[in-house]
């Protein structure tokens, strides 16, 4: 399985309105709840915010990957949001975050969850991938960028 099989253009927000970590997670999760794979939006958001209390998922380089294993979702869901002005995420490098991927996986899908989280993390370490996402002009372009990096 590849991330592009789960991330759809409907789950990409090109201009997040959020100004805080909580607002960003909620805004992206609300888009994901339309997918039919989120059984309980409020629990999904709550579980992600609980995970954030363990340590920020702001990994540096203007990127955050808030995620949770939760029974509030079926299978696996992923959404993307881009913030032009940046969101304070208590990232490891202390910088605001512009690229946010929200992920949720049913606990029964642990292997899939770990594999896709590792795959996404690997892509996000690539400065060209991050730069392409920052300059993408459309939802479809985000998906195409992801597919390009998946092909290697």
Protein backbone atom coordinates (compact mmCIF):
# COMPACT_ATOMS: atom_id res chain seq x y z
CA UNK A 1 0.00 0.00 0.00
CA UNK A 2 1.08 3.55 -0.75
CA UNK A 3 0.10 6.82 0.89
CA UNK A 4 -1.33 8.07 -2.41
CA UNK A 5 -3.91 5.29 -2.21
CA UNK A 6 -5.32 6.95 0.93
CA UNK A 7 -4.68 10.67 0.47
CA UNK A 8 -7.28 12.13 -1.86
CA UNK A 9 -7.59 15.66 -3.16
CA UNK A 10 -10.74 16.02 -1.02
CA UNK A 11 -8.55 15.53 2.05
CA UNK A 12 -6.04 18.23 1.12
CA UNK A 13 -6.45 21.76 2.44
CA UNK A 14 -4.25 24.15 0.51
CA UNK A 15 -4.76 27.13 2.81
CA UNK A 16 -5.42 26.21 6.43
CA UNK A 17 -7.28 28.87 8.38
CA UNK A 18 -6.05 27.51 11.74
CA UNK A 19 -3.72 29.53 13.90
CA UNK A 20 -3.06 26.90 16.59
CA UNK A 21 -2.10 23.23 16.70
CA UNK A 22 -5.53 22.26 18.02
CA UNK A 23 -7.34 24.26 15.34
CA UNK A 24 -5.17 22.77 12.58
CA UNK A 25 -5.80 19.20 13.73
CA UNK A 26 -9.53 19.90 14.03
CA UNK A 27 -9.74 21.55 10.60
CA UNK A 28 -8.00 18.66 8.82
CA UNK A 29 -9.89 16.02 10.84
CA UNK A 30 -13.19 17.64 9.84
CA UNK A 31 -12.27 17.13 6.17
CA UNK A 32 -11.38 13.52 6.90
CA UNK A 33 -14.69 12.90 8.64
CA UNK A 34 -16.41 13.31 5.27
CA UNK A 35 -14.55 10.23 3.98
CA UNK A 36 -16.85 7.78 5.76
CA UNK A 37 -13.81 6.15 7.38
CA UNK A 38 -14.02 8.33 10.48
CA UNK A 39 -16.68 6.79 12.71
CA UNK A 40 -16.44 9.38 15.49
CA UNK A 41 -14.91 12.75 14.57
CA UNK A 42 -14.79 14.09 18.14
CA UNK A 43 -13.08 10.96 19.46
CA UNK A 44 -10.65 11.00 16.52
CA UNK A 45 -9.64 14.58 17.32
CA UNK A 46 -9.46 13.86 21.04
CA UNK A 47 -7.23 10.81 20.48
CA UNK A 48 -4.84 12.80 18.29
CA UNK A 49 -4.65 15.61 20.84
CA UNK A 50 -3.99 13.03 23.58
CA UNK A 51 -1.12 11.66 21.50
CA UNK A 52 0.25 15.22 21.19
CA UNK A 53 0.47 15.41 25.00
CA UNK A 54 3.07 12.62 24.89
CA UNK A 55 5.29 14.79 22.69
CA UNK A 56 4.87 17.10 19.77
CA UNK A 57 4.60 15.55 16.34
CA UNK A 58 6.20 18.69 14.93
CA UNK A 59 9.27 16.93 13.54
CA UNK A 60 11.11 20.03 12.34
CA UNK A 61 11.67 21.50 8.87
CA UNK A 62 8.20 23.13 9.00
CA UNK A 63 6.49 19.70 9.21
CA UNK A 64 4.10 18.00 11.66
CA UNK A 65 2.52 14.55 11.51
CA UNK A 66 -0.16 14.40 14.23
CA UNK A 67 -1.37 10.82 14.37
CA UNK A 68 -3.15 8.26 16.50
CA UNK A 69 -4.14 4.64 16.62
CA UNK A 70 -7.82 4.90 17.38
CA UNK A 71 -10.99 2.89 17.03
CA UNK A 72 -12.66 6.14 15.93
CA UNK A 73 -11.57 5.31 12.37
CA UNK A 74 -11.95 2.36 10.05
CA UNK A 75 -8.75 1.15 8.40
CA UNK A 76 -6.46 4.12 7.83
CA UNK A 77 -7.05 7.80 7.00
CA UNK A 78 -4.72 10.63 6.13
CA UNK A 79 -5.28 14.30 5.45
CA UNK A 80 -2.98 17.16 4.48
CA UNK A 81 -3.08 20.83 5.34
CA UNK A 82 -0.77 23.65 4.32
CA UNK A 83 -0.51 26.84 6.32
CA UNK A 84 1.03 29.83 4.57
CA UNK A 85 1.71 31.75 7.78
CA UNK A 86 2.69 28.74 9.88
CA UNK A 87 1.22 27.15 12.98
CA UNK A 88 2.96 26.92 16.37
CA UNK A 89 3.35 23.20 16.98
CA UNK A 90 6.15 23.11 19.55
CA UNK A 91 8.23 21.50 16.81
CA UNK A 92 11.61 20.00 17.61
CA UNK A 93 13.42 22.89 15.89
CA UNK A 94 11.18 25.53 17.51
CA UNK A 95 9.94 26.79 14.15
CA UNK A 96 6.29 27.16 13.04
CA UNK A 97 4.85 24.37 10.90
CA UNK A 98 3.55 24.84 7.35
CA UNK A 99 2.96 21.23 6.25
CA UNK A 100 0.67 19.09 8.40
CA UNK A 101 -0.33 15.49 7.74
CA UNK A 102 -3.02 14.13 10.09
CA UNK A 103 -3.13 10.33 10.25
CA UNK A 104 -5.41 7.87 12.01
CA UNK A 105 -5.43 4.11 12.00
CA UNK A 106 -7.65 1.54 13.59
CA UNK A 107 -5.57 -0.42 16.14
CA UNK A 108 -6.21 -3.56 14.07
CA UNK A 109 -4.19 -1.93 11.26
CA UNK A 110 -0.96 -1.48 13.23
CA UNK A 111 1.38 -2.83 10.53
CA UNK A 112 -0.16 -0.65 7.82
CA UNK A 113 -0.07 2.37 10.14
CA UNK A 114 3.60 1.94 11.02
CA UNK A 115 4.63 1.30 7.42
CA UNK A 116 2.82 4.36 6.05
CA UNK A 117 4.04 6.59 8.90
CA UNK A 118 7.63 5.50 8.19
CA UNK A 119 7.16 6.02 4.43
CA UNK A 120 5.77 9.53 4.90
CA UNK A 121 8.52 10.43 7.37
CA UNK A 122 11.14 9.33 4.84
CA UNK A 123 9.66 11.56 2.11
CA UNK A 124 9.40 14.51 4.48
CA UNK A 125 13.12 14.31 5.23
CA UNK A 126 13.70 15.20 1.56
CA UNK A 127 14.00 18.98 1.12
CA UNK A 128 12.76 18.76 -2.49
CA UNK A 129 9.58 16.97 -1.38
CA UNK A 130 8.89 19.64 1.24
CA UNK A 131 9.64 22.48 -1.19
CA UNK A 132 7.35 20.94 -3.82
CA UNK A 133 4.50 20.67 -1.29
CA UNK A 134 5.03 24.26 -0.17
CA UNK A 135 4.82 25.52 -3.76
CA UNK A 136 2.01 23.21 -4.97
CA UNK A 137 -0.79 25.19 -6.56
CA UNK A 138 -3.60 22.64 -6.25
CA UNK A 139 -4.90 19.61 -4.39
CA UNK A 140 -4.17 17.49 -7.44
CA UNK A 141 -0.59 18.70 -7.56
CA UNK A 142 -0.07 17.55 -3.95
CA UNK A 143 -1.20 14.05 -4.95
CA UNK A 144 1.05 14.08 -8.03
CA UNK A 145 4.06 15.15 -5.94
CA UNK A 146 3.40 12.28 -3.56
CA UNK A 147 3.10 9.78 -6.43
CA UNK A 148 6.34 11.07 -7.96
CA UNK A 149 8.25 10.40 -4.73
CA UNK A 150 6.57 7.02 -4.27
CA UNK A 151 7.87 5.98 -7.70
CA UNK A 152 11.35 6.93 -6.49
